[in-house]
Amino acid sequence: MREGLVGGEGFAVDASVIKADANRSRSTAREEAEDLRNPRPATRAVREYLAALDEQAESGTAPASISPTDPAARWTAVGGPAFYAYSTNYLVDVEAGIIVDVEATPALRTAEINATRTMIERVEERFDLKPARLIGDMAYGAAPMLGWLVEEKQIAPHIPVWDRTQRDRRDAI
């Protein structure tokens, strides 16, 4: 930043899916997750994650299955057969092509969107950089995200709108 390589006028955002070291055959149904709270077999990471699941359950975003070996990973079918994964989310300066921030999340679209908000605010706070525009794919084109960019951050979104009005009921399955 001190060298002036990053101008910060425009950022691009995207996520990459990283396969987790977790096996579906060892997963536990969400309904059975209570059994994992026993401190004897559960690791500290599992207990902490289950506490976070309690919060997610209240908001309706708890996963259908949990991996006891990697409970923060999310079951996803991105690009083919399903597997446990994470997303690495990148915020890149478009002029220089330099990554200005990274945020790891479970492989979940809402987590990617929240990570984008976190990265934009973190870069603004740490480096006093606020882009005039943000480039992203349709995953970032939901109304709440676009509204936040325009109304709260005054950032011009160069993002296709995610139009779900024409969805067939079968698309939701």
C-alpha atoms as a PDB file:
ATOM      1  CA  MET A   1       0.000   0.000   0.000  1.00  0.00           C
ATOM      2  CA  ARG A   2       2.812   2.383   0.881  1.00  0.00           C
ATOM      3  CA  GLU A   3       4.385   1.806  -2.527  1.00  0.00           C
ATOM      4  CA  GLY A   4       1.249   2.949  -4.321  1.00  0.00           C
ATOM      5  CA  LEU A   5       0.671  -0.323  -6.175  1.00  0.00           C
ATOM      6  CA  VAL A   6      -2.969  -0.509  -5.084  1.00  0.00           C
ATOM      7  CA  GLY A   7      -5.139   2.397  -6.083  1.00  0.00           C
ATOM      8  CA  GLY A   8      -8.363   1.068  -4.624  1.00  0.00           C
ATOM      9  CA  GLU A   9     -10.612   2.668  -7.266  1.00  0.00           C
ATOM     10  CA  GLY A  10     -12.163  -0.647  -8.182  1.00  0.00           C
ATOM     11  CA  PHE A  11     -12.249  -4.053  -6.567  1.00  0.00           C
ATOM     12  CA  ALA A  12     -13.371  -7.453  -7.816  1.00  0.00           C
ATOM     13  CA  VAL A  13     -14.696 -10.198  -5.585  1.00  0.00           C
ATOM     14  CA  ASP A  14     -14.904 -13.948  -6.080  1.00  0.00           C
ATOM     15  CA  ALA A  15     -14.696 -17.198  -4.161  1.00  0.00           C
ATOM     16  CA  SER A  16     -12.915 -20.474  -4.786  1.00  0.00           C
ATOM     17  CA  VAL A  17     -14.144 -23.769  -3.387  1.00  0.00           C
ATOM     18  CA  ILE A  18     -11.569 -25.776  -1.440  1.00  0.00           C
ATOM     19  CA  LYS A  19     -12.301 -29.413  -0.639  1.00  0.00           C
ATOM     20  CA  ALA A  20     -12.248 -30.118   3.101  1.00  0.00           C
ATOM     21  CA  ASP A  21     -10.516 -33.101   4.644  1.00  0.00           C
ATOM     22  CA  ALA A  22     -13.828 -34.635   5.726  1.00  0.00           C
ATOM     23  CA  ASN A  23     -15.632 -37.786   4.687  1.00  0.00           C
ATOM     24  CA  ARG A  24     -19.388 -37.967   4.036  1.00  0.00           C
ATOM     25  CA  SER A  25     -19.566 -41.490   5.469  1.00  0.00           C
ATOM     26  CA  ARG A  26     -18.558 -40.098   8.872  1.00  0.00           C
ATOM     27  CA  SER A  27     -21.067 -37.236   8.859  1.00  0.00           C
ATOM     28  CA  THR A  28     -23.859 -36.822  11.364  1.00  0.00           C
ATOM     29  CA  ALA A  29     -27.399 -35.685  10.678  1.00  0.00           C
ATOM     30  CA  ARG A  30     -28.196 -32.280  12.131  1.00  0.00           C
ATOM     31  CA  GLU A  31     -30.824 -33.883  14.353  1.00  0.00           C
ATOM     32  CA  GLU A  32     -28.168 -36.160  15.858  1.00  0.00           C
ATOM     33  CA  ALA A  33     -25.698 -33.337  16.518  1.00  0.00           C
ATOM     34  CA  GLU A  34     -26.832 -33.153  20.138  1.00  0.00           C
ATOM     35  CA  ASP A  35     -24.970 -36.441  20.740  1.00  0.00           C
ATOM     36  CA  LEU A  36     -21.727 -34.676  19.781  1.00  0.00           C
ATOM     37  CA  ARG A  37     -22.067 -32.294  22.739  1.00  0.00           C
ATOM     38  CA  ASN A  38     -20.751 -34.967  25.067  1.00  0.00           C
ATOM     39  CA  PRO A  39     -17.380 -33.465  26.062  1.00  0.00           C
ATOM     40  CA  ARG A  40     -15.715 -36.848  26.205  1.00  0.00           C
ATOM     41  CA  PRO A  41     -15.737 -37.713  22.448  1.00  0.00           C
ATOM     42  CA  ALA A  42     -16.236 -34.183  21.089  1.00  0.00           C
ATOM     43  CA  THR A  43     -13.250 -31.992  20.368  1.00  0.00           C
ATOM     44  CA  ARG A  44     -13.199 -28.344  21.399  1.00  0.00           C
ATOM     45  CA  ALA A  45     -13.676 -27.370  17.736  1.00  0.00           C
ATOM     46  CA  VAL A  46     -16.808 -29.512  17.524  1.00  0.00           C
ATOM     47  CA  ARG A  47     -18.248 -28.055  20.734  1.00  0.00           C
ATOM     48  CA  GLU A  48     -17.577 -24.479  19.544  1.00  0.00           C
ATOM     49  CA  TYR A  49     -19.087 -25.211  16.166  1.00  0.00           C
ATOM     50  CA  LEU A  50     -22.189 -26.743  17.728  1.00  0.00           C
ATOM     51  CA  ALA A  51     -22.660 -23.579  19.755  1.00  0.00           C
ATOM     52  CA  ALA A  52     -22.547 -21.634  16.492  1.00  0.00           C
ATOM     53  CA  LEU A  53     -25.075 -24.087  15.009  1.00  0.00           C
ATOM     54  CA  ASP A  54     -27.504 -23.177  17.767  1.00  0.00           C
ATOM     55  CA  GLU A  55     -27.358 -19.584  16.530  1.00  0.00           C
ATOM     56  CA  GLN A  56     -27.716 -20.695  12.901  1.00  0.00           C
ATOM     57  CA  ALA A  57     -30.712 -22.888  13.730  1.00  0.00           C
ATOM     58  CA  GLU A  58     -32.528 -19.829  15.032  1.00  0.00           C
ATOM     59  CA  SER A  59     -31.960 -18.087  11.690  1.00  0.00           C
ATOM     60  CA  GLY A  60     -32.799 -21.195   9.616  1.00  0.00           C
ATOM     61  CA  THR A  61     -29.331 -21.651   8.056  1.00  0.00           C
ATOM     62  CA  ALA A  62     -28.091 -24.733   9.947  1.00  0.00           C
ATOM     63  CA  PRO A  63     -26.602 -27.465   7.693  1.00  0.00           C
ATOM     64  CA  ALA A  64     -28.411 -30.739   7.057  1.00  0.00           C
ATOM     65  CA  SER A  65     -25.337 -32.783   7.981  1.00  0.00           C
ATOM     66  CA  ILE A  66     -22.208 -32.159  10.017  1.00  0.00           C
ATOM     67  CA  SER A  67     -18.756 -33.683   9.750  1.00  0.00           C
ATOM     68  CA  PRO A  68     -17.423 -34.542  13.221  1.00  0.00           C
ATOM     69  CA  THR A  69     -13.853 -34.342  11.894  1.00  0.00           C
ATOM     70  CA  ASP A  70     -14.322 -30.916  10.280  1.00  0.00           C
ATOM     71  CA  PRO A  71     -17.570 -29.385  11.546  1.00  0.00           C
ATOM     72  CA  ALA A  72     -17.020 -25.984   9.939  1.00  0.00           C
ATOM     73  CA  ALA A  73     -16.943 -27.468   6.420  1.00  0.00           C
ATOM     74  CA  ARG A  74     -20.192 -27.340   4.459  1.00  0.00           C
ATOM     75  CA  TRP A  75     -21.714 -30.063   2.241  1.00  0.00           C
ATOM     76  CA  THR A  76     -21.898 -28.674  -1.299  1.00  0.00           C
ATOM     77  CA  ALA A  77     -22.455 -29.914  -4.839  1.00  0.00           C
ATOM     78  CA  VAL A  78     -20.607 -27.103  -6.614  1.00  0.00           C
ATOM     79  CA  GLY A  79     -19.239 -28.456  -9.891  1.00  0.00           C
ATOM     80  CA  GLY A  80     -20.412 -32.056  -9.619  1.00  0.00           C
ATOM     81  CA  PRO A  81     -20.790 -34.728  -6.949  1.00  0.00           C
ATOM     82  CA  ALA A  82     -21.247 -33.286  -3.452  1.00  0.00           C
ATOM     83  CA  PHE A  83     -18.396 -33.013  -0.937  1.00  0.00           C
ATOM     84  CA  TYR A  84     -17.484 -31.073   2.216  1.00  0.00           C
ATOM     85  CA  ALA A  85     -15.809 -27.774   1.407  1.00  0.00           C
ATOM     86  CA  TYR A  86     -14.824 -24.253   2.322  1.00  0.00           C
ATOM     87  CA  SER A  87     -14.755 -21.098   0.240  1.00  0.00           C
ATOM     88  CA  THR A  88     -11.801 -18.785   0.053  1.00  0.00           C
ATOM     89  CA  ASN A  89     -13.126 -15.331  -0.772  1.00  0.00           C
ATOM     90  CA  TYR A  90     -10.837 -12.813  -2.441  1.00  0.00           C
ATOM     91  CA  LEU A  91     -11.042  -9.042  -2.796  1.00  0.00           C
ATOM     92  CA  VAL A  92      -8.767  -7.932  -5.628  1.00  0.00           C
ATOM     93  CA  ASP A  93      -7.687  -4.475  -6.792  1.00  0.00           C
ATOM     94  CA  VAL A  94      -8.704  -4.482 -10.456  1.00  0.00           C
ATOM     95  CA  GLU A  95      -6.048  -2.067 -11.695  1.00  0.00           C
ATOM     96  CA  ALA A  96      -3.062  -3.831 -10.150  1.00  0.00           C
ATOM     97  CA  GLY A  97      -4.500  -7.358  -9.891  1.00  0.00           C
ATOM     98  CA  ILE A  98      -3.332  -7.559  -6.283  1.00  0.00           C
ATOM     99  CA  ILE A  99      -5.322  -9.404  -3.621  1.00  0.00           C
ATOM    100  CA  VAL A 100      -6.089  -6.882  -0.894  1.00  0.00           C
ATOM    101  CA  ASP A 101      -8.017  -9.197   1.441  1.00  0.00           C
ATOM    102  CA  VAL A 102      -9.021 -12.853   1.911  1.00  0.00           C
ATOM    103  CA  GLU A 103     -11.734 -14.397   4.060  1.00  0.00           C
ATOM    104  CA  ALA A 104     -12.349 -18.124   4.518  1.00  0.00           C
ATOM    105  CA  THR A 105     -15.945 -19.301   4.984  1.00  0.00           C
ATOM    106  CA  PRO A 106     -17.991 -22.476   4.794  1.00  0.00           C
ATOM    107  CA  ALA A 107     -19.025 -23.177   1.167  1.00  0.00           C
ATOM    108  CA  LEU A 108     -22.304 -21.293   1.357  1.00  0.00           C
ATOM    109  CA  ARG A 109     -23.474 -18.437  -0.845  1.00  0.00           C
ATOM    110  CA  THR A 110     -24.714 -16.289   2.050  1.00  0.00           C
ATOM    111  CA  ALA A 111     -21.347 -16.727   3.769  1.00  0.00           C
ATOM    112  CA  GLU A 112     -19.593 -15.507   0.593  1.00  0.00           C
ATOM    113  CA  ILE A 113     -21.765 -12.402   0.515  1.00  0.00           C
ATOM    114  CA  ASN A 114     -21.136 -11.712   4.201  1.00  0.00           C
ATOM    115  CA  ALA A 115     -17.404 -12.226   3.625  1.00  0.00           C
ATOM    116  CA  THR A 116     -17.509  -9.590   0.892  1.00  0.00           C
ATOM    117  CA  ARG A 117     -19.012  -7.088   3.300  1.00  0.00           C
ATOM    118  CA  THR A 118     -16.386  -7.982   5.900  1.00  0.00           C
ATOM    119  CA  MET A 119     -13.516  -7.622   3.425  1.00  0.00           C
ATOM    120  CA  ILE A 120     -14.722  -4.262   2.074  1.00  0.00           C
ATOM    121  CA  GLU A 121     -15.112  -2.862   5.577  1.00  0.00           C
ATOM    122  CA  ARG A 122     -11.792  -4.330   6.766  1.00  0.00           C
ATOM    123  CA  VAL A 123      -9.843  -2.869   3.816  1.00  0.00           C
ATOM    124  CA  GLU A 124     -11.502   0.496   4.365  1.00  0.00           C
ATOM    125  CA  GLU A 125     -10.591   0.423   8.067  1.00  0.00           C
ATOM    126  CA  ARG A 126      -7.041  -0.959   7.716  1.00  0.00           C
ATOM    127  CA  PHE A 127      -5.855   0.774   4.571  1.00  0.00           C
ATOM    128  CA  ASP A 128      -8.278   3.687   4.171  1.00  0.00           C
ATOM    129  CA  LEU A 129      -9.283   2.280   0.757  1.00  0.00           C
ATOM    130  CA  LYS A 130     -12.868   2.353  -0.427  1.00  0.00           C
ATOM    131  CA  PRO A 131     -13.575   1.389  -4.015  1.00  0.00           C
ATOM    132  CA  ALA A 132     -15.814   3.438  -6.264  1.00  0.00           C
ATOM    133  CA  ARG A 133     -16.964   0.191  -7.927  1.00  0.00           C
ATOM    134  CA  LEU A 134     -17.145  -3.520  -7.194  1.00  0.00           C
ATOM    135  CA  ILE A 135     -17.073  -6.232  -9.856  1.00  0.00           C
ATOM    136  CA  GLY A 136     -18.576  -9.635  -9.137  1.00  0.00           C
ATOM    137  CA  ASP A 137     -20.550 -12.497 -10.646  1.00  0.00           C
ATOM    138  CA  MET A 138     -24.254 -13.172 -10.202  1.00  0.00           C
ATOM    139  CA  ALA A 139     -23.724 -14.844  -6.808  1.00  0.00           C
ATOM    140  CA  TYR A 140     -23.239 -11.335  -5.405  1.00  0.00           C
ATOM    141  CA  GLY A 141     -26.248  -9.899  -7.273  1.00  0.00           C
ATOM    142  CA  ALA A 142     -28.927 -10.425  -4.611  1.00  0.00           C
ATOM    143  CA  ALA A 143     -30.975  -7.364  -3.698  1.00  0.00           C
ATOM    144  CA  PRO A 144     -29.730  -7.020  -0.086  1.00  0.00           C
ATOM    145  CA  MET A 145     -26.089  -7.013  -1.216  1.00  0.00           C
ATOM    146  CA  LEU A 146     -26.712  -4.559  -4.053  1.00  0.00           C
ATOM    147  CA  GLY A 147     -28.684  -2.306  -1.723  1.00  0.00           C
ATOM    148  CA  TRP A 148     -25.894  -2.354   0.856  1.00  0.00           C
ATOM    149  CA  LEU A 149     -23.291  -1.465  -1.780  1.00  0.00           C
ATOM    150  CA  VAL A 150     -25.283   1.425  -3.225  1.00  0.00           C
ATOM    151  CA  GLU A 151     -27.119   2.861  -0.231  1.00  0.00           C
ATOM    152  CA  GLU A 152     -24.718   2.276   2.648  1.00  0.00           C
ATOM    153  CA  LYS A 153     -21.286   2.176   1.005  1.00  0.00           C
ATOM    154  CA  GLN A 154     -21.866   4.346  -2.098  1.00  0.00           C
ATOM    155  CA  ILE A 155     -20.077   1.749  -4.230  1.00  0.00           C
ATOM    156  CA  ALA A 156     -21.260   1.235  -7.822  1.00  0.00           C
ATOM    157  CA  PRO A 157     -21.939  -2.494  -8.327  1.00  0.00           C
ATOM    158  CA  HIS A 158     -20.822  -4.019 -11.624  1.00  0.00           C
ATOM    159  CA  ILE A 159     -22.672  -7.210 -10.799  1.00  0.00           C
ATOM    160  CA  PRO A 160     -25.456  -8.974 -12.726  1.00  0.00           C
ATOM    161  CA  VAL A 161     -28.729  -8.968 -10.820  1.00  0.00           C
ATOM    162  CA  TRP A 162     -29.707 -12.376  -9.493  1.00  0.00           C
ATOM    163  CA  ASP A 163     -33.272 -12.540 -10.819  1.00  0.00           C
ATOM    164  CA  ARG A 164     -35.196 -15.270  -9.043  1.00  0.00           C
ATOM    165  CA  THR A 165     -38.649 -14.160 -10.196  1.00  0.00           C
ATOM    166  CA  GLN A 166     -38.799 -16.674 -13.053  1.00  0.00           C
ATOM    167  CA  ARG A 167     -37.745 -19.692 -10.972  1.00  0.00           C
ATOM    168  CA  ASP A 168     -39.635 -22.887 -11.491  1.00  0.00           C
ATOM    169  CA  ARG A 169     -40.565 -24.670  -8.271  1.00  0.00           C
ATOM    170  CA  ARG A 170     -38.319 -27.555  -9.372  1.00  0.00           C
ATOM    171  CA  ASP A 171     -35.309 -25.168  -9.377  1.00  0.00           C
ATOM    172  CA  ALA A 172     -35.477 -24.943  -5.594  1.00  0.00           C
ATOM    173  CA  ILE A 173     -34.877 -28.679  -5.152  1.00  0.00           C
END
